[in-house]
Amino acid sequence: LLPALLPLTSALGSEAFSAARRAGGFSPPLVACRATTAAGDDEIDLHPPTIAALSRAFLVRAEKDPNLLLRFDQSRMEEWEIALNAGKVSQAAVEAFVKEHSLNPTNDSHVEMTQVLGGRIV
């Protein structure tokens, strides 16, 4: 788990922590910072949503959810299944990011931004 979350898990117990996380209590928001470039364009910083999505993936991995395994278990799965599940985590994060920022799926710069975000997460 992430170092910042360790005190929470020990204080709550892993079962209570998992229940609270599933309810959305310990899930970092996919908030991105906007910055103005020298040309005056608005640019979205992808680092905060990337970090938030990775922390969610680590939480899912720590829970060992049988429907979304992100840890290789030779007796129950194949390597490609981890990549598929990582893609699911990435896709969910990108969809939330697009919805939150009202991005246009036909705008080339928005498409590129979501592809970069998805690739970083996987």
Foldseek 3Di string as FASTA:
>chain_A
DDPVCVVVCVVQPVVRVLVCVVVVNPQDDLDWDWDADPVRDIDTHRVSNLVRLLVVVVNCCVVCPVVQHLDDDPVPDDPVSNVVSLLVSLVVSLVSVCVVVVDDCVDPVNVVVSVVSSVSSD
